[in-house]
N, C-alpha and C. Protein backbone atom coordinates (compact mmCIF):
# COMPACT_ATOMS: atom_id res chain seq x y z
N MET A 1 -25.50 149.43 59.46
CA MET A 1 -24.61 149.13 60.57
C MET A 1 -23.33 148.53 60.01
N ARG A 2 -22.22 148.91 60.62
CA ARG A 2 -20.92 148.39 60.19
C ARG A 2 -20.06 148.15 61.41
N VAL A 3 -19.39 147.01 61.47
CA VAL A 3 -18.49 146.67 62.57
C VAL A 3 -17.06 146.74 62.05
N PHE A 4 -16.20 147.48 62.77
CA PHE A 4 -14.80 147.61 62.40
C PHE A 4 -13.91 146.96 63.45
N GLY A 5 -12.74 146.52 63.01
CA GLY A 5 -11.73 145.97 63.90
C GLY A 5 -10.44 146.74 63.75
N PRO A 6 -9.52 146.59 64.69
CA PRO A 6 -8.27 147.36 64.64
C PRO A 6 -7.39 147.01 63.44
N ASP A 7 -7.64 145.89 62.78
CA ASP A 7 -6.86 145.53 61.60
C ASP A 7 -7.42 146.12 60.31
N ASP A 8 -8.61 146.73 60.36
CA ASP A 8 -9.17 147.37 59.18
C ASP A 8 -8.34 148.59 58.82
N LYS A 9 -8.21 148.85 57.55
CA LYS A 9 -7.41 149.97 57.08
C LYS A 9 -8.06 151.31 57.42
N LYS A 10 -7.22 152.27 57.78
CA LYS A 10 -7.68 153.61 58.12
C LYS A 10 -8.55 154.20 57.02
N GLU A 11 -8.12 154.03 55.76
CA GLU A 11 -8.85 154.59 54.63
C GLU A 11 -10.25 153.97 54.50
N GLN A 12 -10.35 152.69 54.81
CA GLN A 12 -11.64 152.00 54.73
C GLN A 12 -12.60 152.53 55.80
N ILE A 13 -12.10 152.67 57.04
CA ILE A 13 -12.94 153.14 58.14
C ILE A 13 -13.37 154.58 57.89
N GLU A 14 -12.39 155.45 57.62
CA GLU A 14 -12.71 156.86 57.41
C GLU A 14 -13.58 157.05 56.17
N GLY A 15 -13.33 156.28 55.12
CA GLY A 15 -14.14 156.39 53.91
C GLY A 15 -15.60 156.05 54.16
N THR A 16 -15.84 155.00 54.94
CA THR A 16 -17.21 154.58 55.24
C THR A 16 -17.92 155.63 56.09
N VAL A 17 -17.26 156.10 57.14
CA VAL A 17 -17.88 157.08 58.03
C VAL A 17 -18.05 158.42 57.31
N ASN A 18 -17.08 158.82 56.51
CA ASN A 18 -17.19 160.08 55.77
C ASN A 18 -18.31 160.04 54.74
N ALA A 19 -18.57 158.87 54.15
CA ALA A 19 -19.69 158.74 53.21
C ALA A 19 -21.01 158.97 53.93
N ALA A 20 -21.14 158.44 55.14
CA ALA A 20 -22.36 158.67 55.94
C ALA A 20 -22.47 160.15 56.31
N PHE A 21 -21.34 160.75 56.68
CA PHE A 21 -21.35 162.17 57.04
C PHE A 21 -21.70 163.04 55.83
N HIS A 22 -21.23 162.66 54.67
CA HIS A 22 -21.54 163.40 53.44
C HIS A 22 -23.06 163.40 53.20
N GLU A 23 -23.70 162.31 53.58
CA GLU A 23 -25.15 162.21 53.42
C GLU A 23 -25.92 162.89 54.56
N ASN A 24 -25.41 162.78 55.79
CA ASN A 24 -26.15 163.24 56.97
C ASN A 24 -25.36 164.20 57.84
N GLY A 25 -24.50 165.01 57.29
CA GLY A 25 -23.73 165.90 58.14
C GLY A 25 -23.16 167.08 57.39
N GLY A 26 -22.52 167.93 58.12
CA GLY A 26 -21.86 169.08 57.53
C GLY A 26 -22.67 170.35 57.66
N GLN A 27 -22.13 171.40 57.05
CA GLN A 27 -22.71 172.73 57.21
C GLN A 27 -23.19 173.33 55.89
N THR A 28 -23.08 172.57 54.80
CA THR A 28 -23.53 173.08 53.51
C THR A 28 -24.47 172.07 52.88
N PRO A 29 -25.75 172.35 52.80
CA PRO A 29 -26.41 173.51 53.38
C PRO A 29 -26.40 173.42 54.91
N THR A 30 -26.78 174.48 55.58
CA THR A 30 -26.82 174.52 57.03
C THR A 30 -27.61 173.33 57.56
N ASN A 31 -27.06 172.65 58.57
CA ASN A 31 -27.69 171.49 59.21
C ASN A 31 -28.02 170.38 58.20
N HIS A 32 -27.10 170.13 57.29
CA HIS A 32 -27.28 169.13 56.24
C HIS A 32 -27.60 167.75 56.83
N GLY A 33 -28.66 167.13 56.35
CA GLY A 33 -29.05 165.80 56.81
C GLY A 33 -30.03 165.80 57.95
N GLN A 34 -30.49 166.96 58.38
CA GLN A 34 -31.34 167.06 59.57
C GLN A 34 -32.60 166.22 59.48
N PHE A 35 -33.19 166.09 58.32
CA PHE A 35 -34.42 165.31 58.20
C PHE A 35 -34.24 164.12 57.27
N SER A 36 -33.06 163.57 57.22
CA SER A 36 -32.76 162.42 56.38
C SER A 36 -33.46 161.16 56.90
N SER A 37 -33.73 160.24 56.01
CA SER A 37 -34.29 158.95 56.43
C SER A 37 -33.20 157.90 56.59
N SER A 38 -31.94 158.26 56.34
CA SER A 38 -30.81 157.33 56.49
C SER A 38 -30.29 157.35 57.92
N HIS A 39 -30.02 156.16 58.45
CA HIS A 39 -29.47 156.02 59.80
C HIS A 39 -28.22 155.16 59.73
N PHE A 40 -27.23 155.46 60.60
CA PHE A 40 -25.95 154.76 60.57
C PHE A 40 -25.50 154.39 61.97
N ALA A 41 -24.94 153.19 62.11
CA ALA A 41 -24.32 152.75 63.36
C ALA A 41 -22.96 152.18 63.02
N PHE A 42 -21.92 152.68 63.68
CA PHE A 42 -20.56 152.21 63.46
C PHE A 42 -20.03 151.67 64.78
N LEU A 43 -19.76 150.38 64.80
CA LEU A 43 -19.32 149.68 66.00
C LEU A 43 -17.85 149.32 65.87
N PHE A 44 -17.11 149.46 66.98
CA PHE A 44 -15.66 149.25 66.96
C PHE A 44 -15.27 148.19 67.97
N LYS A 45 -14.62 147.13 67.46
CA LYS A 45 -14.11 146.07 68.33
C LYS A 45 -12.96 146.63 69.17
N PRO A 46 -12.64 145.98 70.29
CA PRO A 46 -11.52 146.45 71.11
C PRO A 46 -10.23 146.59 70.30
N GLY A 47 -9.51 147.67 70.57
CA GLY A 47 -8.26 147.95 69.88
C GLY A 47 -8.03 149.44 69.81
N THR A 48 -6.96 149.82 69.11
CA THR A 48 -6.59 151.22 68.94
C THR A 48 -6.80 151.62 67.49
N TYR A 49 -7.40 152.79 67.29
CA TYR A 49 -7.74 153.28 65.96
C TYR A 49 -7.13 154.66 65.75
N ASP A 50 -6.46 154.84 64.63
CA ASP A 50 -5.89 156.13 64.26
C ASP A 50 -6.75 156.73 63.15
N VAL A 51 -7.98 157.09 63.50
CA VAL A 51 -8.95 157.58 62.53
C VAL A 51 -9.64 158.83 63.08
N ASP A 52 -10.10 159.67 62.17
CA ASP A 52 -10.90 160.85 62.51
C ASP A 52 -12.30 160.63 61.97
N LEU A 53 -13.30 160.68 62.87
CA LEU A 53 -14.66 160.29 62.51
C LEU A 53 -15.67 161.39 62.84
N PRO A 54 -16.15 162.11 61.82
CA PRO A 54 -17.20 163.09 62.07
C PRO A 54 -18.53 162.37 62.29
N VAL A 55 -19.31 162.86 63.25
CA VAL A 55 -20.58 162.22 63.59
C VAL A 55 -21.72 163.13 63.12
N GLY A 56 -22.49 162.65 62.15
CA GLY A 56 -23.59 163.43 61.61
C GLY A 56 -24.93 163.01 62.20
N TYR A 57 -25.99 163.56 61.63
CA TYR A 57 -27.34 163.22 62.07
C TYR A 57 -27.59 161.72 61.96
N TYR A 58 -28.36 161.18 62.89
CA TYR A 58 -28.79 159.78 62.89
C TYR A 58 -27.60 158.82 62.81
N THR A 59 -26.52 159.16 63.51
CA THR A 59 -25.30 158.34 63.49
C THR A 59 -24.89 158.01 64.91
N GLN A 60 -24.51 156.76 65.13
CA GLN A 60 -24.05 156.29 66.43
C GLN A 60 -22.66 155.69 66.27
N ILE A 61 -21.73 156.09 67.13
CA ILE A 61 -20.40 155.48 67.22
C ILE A 61 -20.36 154.74 68.54
N LEU A 62 -20.01 153.47 68.52
CA LEU A 62 -20.08 152.64 69.73
C LEU A 62 -18.87 151.73 69.84
N GLY A 63 -18.16 151.82 70.96
CA GLY A 63 -17.07 150.90 71.26
C GLY A 63 -17.63 149.61 71.83
N LEU A 64 -17.12 148.48 71.40
CA LEU A 64 -17.64 147.17 71.81
C LEU A 64 -16.85 146.53 72.94
N GLY A 65 -15.96 147.26 73.56
CA GLY A 65 -15.21 146.72 74.70
C GLY A 65 -16.07 146.64 75.94
N ARG A 66 -15.56 145.90 76.94
CA ARG A 66 -16.28 145.83 78.22
C ARG A 66 -16.24 147.15 78.96
N ASN A 67 -15.19 147.95 78.70
CA ASN A 67 -15.07 149.27 79.30
C ASN A 67 -14.43 150.22 78.29
N PRO A 68 -14.48 151.52 78.52
CA PRO A 68 -13.97 152.49 77.55
C PRO A 68 -12.48 152.34 77.23
N ASP A 69 -11.69 151.80 78.15
CA ASP A 69 -10.25 151.64 77.90
C ASP A 69 -9.93 150.63 76.80
N GLU A 70 -10.88 149.86 76.36
CA GLU A 70 -10.62 148.81 75.37
C GLU A 70 -10.76 149.26 73.93
N VAL A 71 -11.38 150.42 73.71
CA VAL A 71 -11.52 150.98 72.36
C VAL A 71 -10.95 152.39 72.40
N ILE A 72 -9.79 152.57 71.76
CA ILE A 72 -9.04 153.83 71.89
C ILE A 72 -8.96 154.51 70.52
N PHE A 73 -9.29 155.81 70.51
CA PHE A 73 -9.13 156.63 69.31
C PHE A 73 -7.96 157.56 69.54
N ASN A 74 -6.91 157.37 68.74
CA ASN A 74 -5.63 158.03 68.95
C ASN A 74 -5.23 158.72 67.64
N SER A 75 -5.87 159.83 67.33
CA SER A 75 -5.59 160.55 66.10
C SER A 75 -5.76 162.05 66.34
N SER A 76 -5.65 162.85 65.31
CA SER A 76 -5.69 164.30 65.52
C SER A 76 -7.06 164.79 66.00
N ARG A 77 -8.17 164.19 65.53
CA ARG A 77 -9.51 164.63 65.94
C ARG A 77 -10.30 163.53 66.62
N GLY A 78 -10.09 162.27 66.26
CA GLY A 78 -10.85 161.17 66.84
C GLY A 78 -12.32 161.25 66.46
N ILE A 79 -13.18 160.97 67.39
CA ILE A 79 -14.62 161.12 67.20
C ILE A 79 -14.95 162.58 67.47
N TYR A 80 -15.69 163.22 66.57
CA TYR A 80 -16.01 164.62 66.80
C TYR A 80 -17.33 165.00 66.12
N CYS A 81 -17.92 166.07 66.65
CA CYS A 81 -19.14 166.61 66.07
C CYS A 81 -19.01 168.12 66.01
N LYS A 82 -19.00 168.64 64.79
CA LYS A 82 -18.98 170.08 64.59
C LYS A 82 -20.41 170.59 64.59
N GLU A 83 -20.58 171.86 64.94
CA GLU A 83 -21.92 172.42 64.91
C GLU A 83 -22.42 172.49 63.47
N GLY A 84 -23.73 172.37 63.30
CA GLY A 84 -24.32 172.32 61.97
C GLY A 84 -24.55 173.67 61.33
N ASP A 85 -24.43 174.76 62.09
CA ASP A 85 -24.67 176.10 61.56
C ASP A 85 -23.57 177.02 62.03
N LYS A 86 -22.65 177.37 61.14
CA LYS A 86 -21.56 178.27 61.50
C LYS A 86 -21.80 179.69 61.01
N THR A 87 -23.04 179.96 60.52
CA THR A 87 -23.32 181.28 59.96
C THR A 87 -23.90 182.24 60.98
N THR A 88 -24.44 181.72 62.09
CA THR A 88 -25.04 182.56 63.12
C THR A 88 -24.63 182.05 64.49
N MET A 89 -25.01 182.77 65.51
CA MET A 89 -24.74 182.35 66.88
C MET A 89 -25.54 181.11 67.28
N PHE A 90 -26.52 180.71 66.47
CA PHE A 90 -27.32 179.53 66.80
C PHE A 90 -26.47 178.27 66.84
N GLY A 91 -25.37 178.26 66.12
CA GLY A 91 -24.37 177.22 66.22
C GLY A 91 -24.88 175.80 66.24
N SER A 92 -24.98 175.23 67.44
CA SER A 92 -25.32 173.81 67.61
C SER A 92 -26.76 173.57 68.02
N LEU A 93 -27.59 174.59 68.04
CA LEU A 93 -28.94 174.41 68.57
C LEU A 93 -29.79 173.43 67.75
N SER A 94 -29.39 173.15 66.51
CA SER A 94 -30.09 172.13 65.71
C SER A 94 -29.19 170.93 65.42
N THR A 95 -28.08 170.83 66.12
CA THR A 95 -27.14 169.73 65.90
C THR A 95 -27.50 168.62 66.89
N PHE A 96 -28.42 167.74 66.47
CA PHE A 96 -28.90 166.71 67.38
C PHE A 96 -29.06 165.38 66.67
N TRP A 97 -29.65 164.38 67.35
CA TRP A 97 -29.90 163.03 66.84
C TRP A 97 -28.61 162.32 66.41
N ARG A 98 -27.72 162.12 67.37
CA ARG A 98 -26.45 161.41 67.15
C ARG A 98 -25.90 161.02 68.51
N GLY A 99 -24.96 160.08 68.55
CA GLY A 99 -24.40 159.69 69.83
C GLY A 99 -23.06 159.00 69.69
N ALA A 100 -22.33 158.94 70.80
CA ALA A 100 -21.04 158.24 70.85
C ALA A 100 -20.88 157.69 72.26
N GLU A 101 -20.38 156.45 72.35
CA GLU A 101 -20.21 155.87 73.69
C GLU A 101 -19.21 154.73 73.73
N ASN A 102 -18.69 154.54 74.93
CA ASN A 102 -17.82 153.44 75.31
C ASN A 102 -16.50 153.43 74.55
N PHE A 103 -15.71 154.49 74.73
CA PHE A 103 -14.41 154.59 74.07
C PHE A 103 -13.51 155.51 74.89
N ARG A 104 -12.23 155.50 74.54
CA ARG A 104 -11.25 156.42 75.11
C ARG A 104 -10.70 157.27 73.98
N ARG A 105 -10.64 158.55 74.21
CA ARG A 105 -10.09 159.50 73.24
C ARG A 105 -8.78 160.03 73.79
N ARG A 106 -7.68 159.71 73.12
CA ARG A 106 -6.38 160.25 73.52
C ARG A 106 -6.18 161.58 72.84
N GLY A 107 -6.55 162.64 73.55
CA GLY A 107 -6.50 163.99 73.02
C GLY A 107 -7.81 164.68 73.32
N SER A 108 -7.94 165.92 72.87
CA SER A 108 -9.15 166.69 73.10
C SER A 108 -10.25 166.24 72.14
N MET A 109 -11.49 166.60 72.48
CA MET A 109 -12.64 166.17 71.68
C MET A 109 -13.62 167.32 71.53
N LEU A 110 -14.13 167.50 70.32
CA LEU A 110 -15.18 168.48 70.03
C LEU A 110 -16.51 167.74 69.95
N TRP A 111 -17.47 168.15 70.78
CA TRP A 111 -18.83 167.57 70.77
C TRP A 111 -19.81 168.74 70.88
N ALA A 112 -19.90 169.52 69.78
CA ALA A 112 -20.72 170.73 69.73
C ALA A 112 -22.13 170.34 69.30
N THR A 113 -22.96 169.95 70.26
CA THR A 113 -24.27 169.39 69.96
C THR A 113 -25.35 170.02 70.82
N SER A 114 -26.56 169.52 70.62
CA SER A 114 -27.69 169.97 71.40
C SER A 114 -28.54 168.76 71.79
N GLN A 115 -29.83 168.80 71.56
CA GLN A 115 -30.74 167.75 72.03
C GLN A 115 -30.47 166.39 71.41
N ALA A 116 -30.81 165.34 72.17
CA ALA A 116 -30.75 163.96 71.70
C ALA A 116 -29.36 163.58 71.18
N THR A 117 -28.33 163.92 71.97
CA THR A 117 -26.95 163.67 71.55
C THR A 117 -26.13 163.10 72.70
N PRO A 118 -26.41 161.89 73.13
CA PRO A 118 -25.69 161.37 74.29
C PRO A 118 -24.21 161.10 74.00
N LEU A 119 -23.39 161.49 74.94
CA LEU A 119 -21.98 161.13 74.99
C LEU A 119 -21.83 160.37 76.31
N ARG A 120 -21.64 159.04 76.21
CA ARG A 120 -21.67 158.19 77.41
C ARG A 120 -20.44 157.29 77.48
N ARG A 121 -20.11 156.91 78.72
CA ARG A 121 -19.03 155.96 79.00
C ARG A 121 -17.79 156.26 78.17
N ALA A 122 -17.22 157.44 78.37
CA ALA A 122 -16.05 157.85 77.61
C ALA A 122 -14.98 158.41 78.53
N ILE A 123 -13.74 158.24 78.11
CA ILE A 123 -12.60 158.83 78.79
C ILE A 123 -11.94 159.76 77.77
N ILE A 124 -11.84 161.04 78.12
CA ILE A 124 -11.25 162.03 77.24
C ILE A 124 -9.94 162.49 77.87
N ASP A 125 -8.83 162.17 77.23
CA ASP A 125 -7.51 162.56 77.72
C ASP A 125 -7.14 163.92 77.14
N GLY A 126 -7.88 164.94 77.50
CA GLY A 126 -7.68 166.29 76.99
C GLY A 126 -8.90 167.10 77.35
N ASP A 127 -9.18 168.11 76.55
CA ASP A 127 -10.35 168.96 76.78
C ASP A 127 -11.57 168.38 76.07
N LEU A 128 -12.74 168.65 76.62
CA LEU A 128 -14.01 168.33 75.96
C LEU A 128 -14.66 169.67 75.63
N GLU A 129 -14.71 170.00 74.34
CA GLU A 129 -15.29 171.25 73.88
C GLU A 129 -16.75 171.00 73.51
N LEU A 130 -17.66 171.75 74.11
CA LEU A 130 -19.09 171.55 73.89
C LEU A 130 -19.69 172.62 73.00
N ALA A 131 -18.90 173.52 72.48
CA ALA A 131 -19.33 174.55 71.53
C ALA A 131 -18.15 174.86 70.63
N GLU A 132 -18.44 175.51 69.53
CA GLU A 132 -17.41 175.76 68.53
C GLU A 132 -17.32 177.26 68.23
N TYR A 133 -16.10 177.78 68.19
CA TYR A 133 -15.90 179.20 67.89
C TYR A 133 -15.75 179.38 66.38
N THR A 134 -16.44 180.39 65.85
CA THR A 134 -16.33 180.76 64.45
C THR A 134 -15.91 182.22 64.36
N LYS A 135 -14.85 182.48 63.63
CA LYS A 135 -14.35 183.84 63.46
C LYS A 135 -15.45 184.71 62.85
N HIS A 136 -15.62 185.89 63.37
CA HIS A 136 -16.61 186.89 62.94
C HIS A 136 -18.05 186.50 63.31
N VAL A 137 -18.25 185.37 63.96
CA VAL A 137 -19.58 184.97 64.42
C VAL A 137 -19.57 184.85 65.94
N GLY A 138 -18.57 184.19 66.47
CA GLY A 138 -18.44 184.00 67.91
C GLY A 138 -18.62 182.55 68.31
N GLU A 139 -18.77 182.33 69.60
CA GLU A 139 -18.97 180.98 70.14
C GLU A 139 -20.42 180.60 69.91
N GLY A 140 -20.64 179.52 69.16
CA GLY A 140 -22.01 179.09 68.87
C GLY A 140 -22.70 178.54 70.10
N TYR A 141 -24.01 178.71 70.16
CA TYR A 141 -24.80 178.18 71.27
C TYR A 141 -24.89 176.66 71.18
N SER A 142 -25.00 176.02 72.32
CA SER A 142 -25.32 174.59 72.39
C SER A 142 -26.07 174.37 73.69
N SER A 143 -26.95 173.36 73.69
CA SER A 143 -27.71 173.10 74.91
C SER A 143 -28.40 171.75 74.81
N GLY A 144 -28.73 171.19 75.94
CA GLY A 144 -29.60 170.03 75.97
C GLY A 144 -28.96 168.69 75.70
N GLY A 145 -27.68 168.64 75.37
CA GLY A 145 -27.03 167.35 75.16
C GLY A 145 -26.90 166.60 76.48
N PHE A 146 -26.60 165.32 76.42
CA PHE A 146 -26.44 164.49 77.62
C PHE A 146 -25.03 163.94 77.67
N VAL A 147 -24.34 164.19 78.78
CA VAL A 147 -23.01 163.63 79.00
C VAL A 147 -23.11 162.85 80.31
N GLY A 148 -22.84 161.55 80.24
CA GLY A 148 -22.94 160.72 81.43
C GLY A 148 -21.82 159.70 81.51
N ASN A 149 -21.28 159.53 82.73
CA ASN A 149 -20.21 158.58 82.97
C ASN A 149 -19.01 158.88 82.06
N VAL A 150 -18.62 160.15 82.01
CA VAL A 150 -17.52 160.61 81.18
C VAL A 150 -16.46 161.22 82.08
N ARG A 151 -15.21 160.83 81.87
CA ARG A 151 -14.09 161.40 82.61
C ARG A 151 -13.25 162.23 81.66
N VAL A 152 -13.03 163.50 82.00
CA VAL A 152 -12.24 164.41 81.20
C VAL A 152 -11.01 164.80 82.02
N SER A 153 -9.82 164.64 81.44
CA SER A 153 -8.61 164.99 82.18
C SER A 153 -7.71 165.90 81.37
């Protein structure tokens, strides 16, 4: 578990989260980290963050504000989850066991997931993409994720 504040350096935050993703995320090999014994929780104090955070298996991103408006991700990707298999149409059907909640995303958000992947108490100031398109493969499947108390505009 790691707690970040708005005064923490972008490189420190992204470096920590990317190290977890390197262990429990990505597409090489397909669905990398799916049966890992490592678990990660990244908590964010109220403030604005200009960071891009990939969310891998067994990873939780959580804003610590009283409401989603108090923890804002204002960057090119923000919090995102890519599908774990870009080689077939199965796409996100095994992209599970992760979550994100209680934040505001200024911009669009990719959350290409399936089972056991709650996205809760979030404000998305853009599009919310629930599947990912891959050239020469198509739009990957996704199903079974949970989205609750989320406003998309």
